[in-house]
Amino acid sequence: MVKERARVATFDDGRLVVECRTAAAVGDSVAVDGVCLTVVEADDGRLAFDVVPETLSRVKPFGAEVNLEPALTAGDPLGGHVVQGHVDGRGHVRDSQQEETGRRVWIDLPPDLLRYCVEKGSIAIDGVSLTIAAVDDAGIAVALVPHTLSQTTLGSRAAGDSVNVEADILAKYVERLIQ
């Protein structure tokens, strides 16, 4: 579960530095917008990560604000589905509409990710564990509650924005086993 929205201080030559309240030590794993990264420096409210070209080829550019999620430790409650921080690719926000107290966001996905999506199935968008509300030929809809809108960067996503997508790991294993 996302624990904090953090501000990107710098991102130069593969070194990402974020300003945050998240406590982490060098060597710890922290998901940044759903991307599992290793802390390489931790100092006075800042965490630094090295982002390699393989990662950059799969994820959206880091924005001014990012979602942070420290790694789950033994004994922590599971509040969402199993998310590994292994982003599968990018989606693009098609539409974002207010619905009473929440928002319905449609996200277009490439076919190689859309095949893992089913209504009421699980997906992670920018590291946020979500339930798929609907599926069509081009993408998925997710229903965002007020808490998610205020505590994650998803509340500021608009049509045309890129998002990181991690498909449900169980769907990928099932596909592999039946091949």
Protein backbone atom coordinates (compact mmCIF):
# COMPACT_ATOMS: atom_id res chain seq x y z
CA MET A 1 0.00 0.00 0.00
CA VAL A 2 1.24 3.46 -0.86
CA LYS A 3 2.47 5.13 2.32
CA GLU A 4 3.41 8.57 1.02
CA ARG A 5 3.42 11.01 -1.86
CA ALA A 6 6.97 12.28 -2.19
CA ARG A 7 8.56 15.12 -4.14
CA VAL A 8 11.20 14.39 -6.75
CA ALA A 9 14.22 16.55 -5.89
CA THR A 10 16.40 15.55 -8.84
CA PHE A 11 16.68 12.94 -11.56
CA ASP A 12 20.02 13.14 -13.37
CA ASP A 13 22.11 10.49 -15.12
CA GLY A 14 19.99 7.65 -13.73
CA ARG A 15 20.11 8.88 -10.11
CA LEU A 16 16.65 9.61 -8.69
CA VAL A 17 16.47 11.58 -5.43
CA VAL A 18 13.18 12.05 -3.59
CA GLU A 19 12.32 14.14 -0.54
CA CYS A 20 10.15 12.11 1.81
CA ARG A 21 9.26 11.02 5.34
CA THR A 22 9.71 7.32 4.55
CA ALA A 23 12.38 5.75 6.76
CA ALA A 24 14.69 3.50 4.77
CA ALA A 25 18.31 2.39 4.86
CA VAL A 26 20.81 1.76 2.10
CA GLY A 27 19.93 -1.55 0.49
CA ASP A 28 16.21 -1.38 1.29
CA SER A 29 13.65 -1.82 -1.47
CA VAL A 30 11.13 0.97 -1.98
CA ALA A 31 8.57 1.11 -4.78
CA VAL A 32 8.54 4.50 -6.50
CA ASP A 33 5.39 4.91 -8.64
CA GLY A 34 5.22 1.13 -8.60
CA VAL A 35 8.85 0.61 -9.61
CA CYS A 36 10.85 -1.47 -7.13
CA LEU A 37 14.13 0.38 -6.56
CA THR A 38 17.01 -0.07 -4.13
CA VAL A 39 17.98 2.74 -1.79
CA VAL A 40 21.60 3.76 -2.51
CA GLU A 41 21.68 6.82 -0.22
CA ALA A 42 19.49 7.77 2.73
CA ASP A 43 20.11 11.10 4.38
CA ASP A 44 18.02 13.74 6.17
CA GLY A 45 14.63 13.20 4.53
CA ARG A 46 16.03 12.19 1.15
CA LEU A 47 16.31 8.82 -0.52
CA ALA A 48 18.39 8.19 -3.64
CA PHE A 49 17.99 5.36 -6.15
CA ASP A 50 19.89 4.30 -9.27
CA VAL A 51 17.52 3.68 -12.18
CA VAL A 52 18.98 1.48 -14.93
CA PRO A 53 18.14 1.69 -18.66
CA GLU A 54 16.07 -1.56 -18.53
CA THR A 55 13.76 0.08 -15.99
CA LEU A 56 13.59 3.36 -17.89
CA SER A 57 12.56 1.50 -21.06
CA ARG A 58 9.43 0.17 -19.35
CA VAL A 59 8.22 2.97 -17.10
CA LYS A 60 6.78 6.43 -17.56
CA PRO A 61 9.05 9.39 -16.78
CA PHE A 62 9.10 10.30 -13.10
CA GLY A 63 6.98 13.37 -12.42
CA ALA A 64 7.30 16.07 -9.78
CA GLU A 65 5.48 13.85 -7.27
CA VAL A 66 5.67 10.07 -6.85
CA ASN A 67 3.96 7.39 -4.79
CA LEU A 68 6.24 5.63 -2.27
CA GLU A 69 5.70 2.18 -0.84
CA PRO A 70 8.28 0.53 1.41
CA ALA A 71 8.71 -3.22 1.02
CA LEU A 72 6.32 -5.42 2.96
CA THR A 73 7.91 -7.06 5.99
CA ALA A 74 6.89 -10.26 7.78
CA GLY A 75 3.87 -9.61 9.96
CA ASP A 76 2.63 -6.56 8.01
CA PRO A 77 -1.04 -6.73 7.03
CA LEU A 78 -1.82 -7.28 3.35
CA GLY A 79 -4.07 -4.38 2.40
CA GLY A 80 -4.22 -4.98 -1.36
CA HIS A 81 -3.24 -7.64 -3.83
CA VAL A 82 0.30 -8.97 -4.25
CA VAL A 83 2.32 -6.28 -6.03
CA GLN A 84 5.97 -6.93 -6.81
CA GLY A 85 7.08 -3.54 -8.09
CA HIS A 86 7.91 -5.09 -11.46
CA VAL A 87 6.23 -2.69 -13.87
CA ASP A 88 5.08 -4.49 -17.02
CA GLY A 89 4.57 -1.39 -19.13
CA ARG A 90 2.75 1.88 -19.58
CA GLY A 91 -0.87 2.80 -19.97
CA HIS A 92 -2.45 6.13 -20.88
CA VAL A 93 -5.35 7.82 -19.15
CA ARG A 94 -8.25 8.02 -21.62
CA ASP A 95 -10.74 9.76 -19.36
CA SER A 96 -11.23 10.77 -15.73
CA GLN A 97 -14.74 11.60 -14.52
CA GLN A 98 -16.12 12.59 -11.15
CA GLU A 99 -18.64 10.07 -9.74
CA GLU A 100 -20.42 11.23 -6.60
CA THR A 101 -17.58 11.07 -4.05
CA GLY A 102 -14.98 9.29 -6.20
CA ARG A 103 -13.62 9.19 -9.74
CA ARG A 104 -13.81 6.69 -12.57
CA VAL A 105 -10.60 6.62 -14.57
CA TRP A 106 -10.31 4.81 -17.91
CA ILE A 107 -6.80 3.70 -18.82
CA ASP A 108 -5.88 2.44 -22.29
CA LEU A 109 -3.46 -0.49 -22.22
CA PRO A 110 -1.37 -2.23 -24.84
CA PRO A 111 -2.82 -5.63 -25.87
CA ASP A 112 0.01 -7.51 -24.12
CA LEU A 113 -1.20 -6.07 -20.77
CA LEU A 114 -4.93 -5.91 -21.48
CA ARG A 115 -5.04 -9.70 -21.87
CA TYR A 116 -4.38 -10.04 -18.11
CA CYS A 117 -7.33 -7.86 -17.14
CA VAL A 118 -10.75 -9.02 -16.00
CA GLU A 119 -13.58 -7.16 -14.32
CA LYS A 120 -13.10 -7.30 -10.52
CA GLY A 121 -9.53 -8.47 -11.06
CA SER A 122 -6.45 -6.76 -9.65
CA ILE A 123 -4.02 -4.29 -11.20
CA ALA A 124 -1.45 -1.80 -9.93
CA ILE A 125 -1.38 1.69 -11.44
CA ASP A 126 1.60 3.84 -10.41
CA GLY A 127 2.07 1.39 -7.54
CA VAL A 128 -1.50 1.69 -6.27
CA SER A 129 -3.26 -1.65 -5.81
CA LEU A 130 -6.68 -1.35 -7.50
CA THR A 131 -9.70 -3.39 -8.52
CA ILE A 132 -10.67 -3.30 -12.18
CA ALA A 133 -14.22 -1.91 -12.44
CA ALA A 134 -14.72 -2.50 -16.18
CA VAL A 135 -12.88 -3.72 -19.27
CA ASP A 136 -13.38 -2.80 -22.92
CA ASP A 137 -11.44 -3.49 -26.13
CA ALA A 138 -8.89 -0.75 -25.44
CA GLY A 139 -8.44 -0.65 -21.69
CA ILE A 140 -9.80 -0.74 -18.17
CA ALA A 141 -11.70 1.47 -15.76
CA VAL A 142 -10.84 1.81 -12.09
CA ALA A 143 -13.04 3.45 -9.46
CA LEU A 144 -11.01 5.65 -7.11
CA VAL A 145 -12.30 6.39 -3.62
CA PRO A 146 -11.63 9.77 -1.94
CA HIS A 147 -8.80 8.33 0.21
CA THR A 148 -6.91 7.08 -2.86
CA LEU A 149 -7.48 10.40 -4.62
CA SER A 150 -6.04 12.40 -1.72
CA GLN A 151 -3.22 10.08 -0.63
CA THR A 152 -1.75 9.10 -4.01
CA THR A 153 -0.80 10.86 -7.23
CA LEU A 154 -3.75 9.27 -9.04
CA GLY A 155 -5.98 12.19 -8.03
CA SER A 156 -4.05 14.47 -10.37
CA ARG A 157 -4.04 12.17 -13.42
CA ALA A 158 -5.83 13.52 -16.50
CA ALA A 159 -6.54 12.38 -20.06
CA GLY A 160 -3.31 11.76 -21.94
CA ASP A 161 -1.15 11.14 -18.86
CA SER A 162 1.07 8.06 -18.81
CA VAL A 163 0.90 5.61 -15.91
CA ASN A 164 2.97 2.61 -14.82
CA VAL A 165 1.08 -0.68 -15.00
CA GLU A 166 1.78 -3.93 -13.19
CA ALA A 167 -0.54 -6.75 -14.19
CA ASP A 168 -1.70 -9.34 -11.69
CA ILE A 169 1.12 -11.84 -11.13
CA LEU A 170 -1.31 -14.78 -10.84
CA ALA A 171 -2.63 -14.12 -14.36
CA LYS A 172 0.91 -14.19 -15.73
CA TYR A 173 1.69 -17.49 -13.98
CA VAL A 174 -1.54 -19.07 -15.21
CA GLU A 175 -0.77 -18.00 -18.77
CA ARG A 176 2.73 -19.46 -18.57
CA LEU A 177 1.51 -22.75 -17.08
CA ILE A 178 -1.09 -23.36 -19.80
CA GLN A 179 1.33 -22.63 -22.65
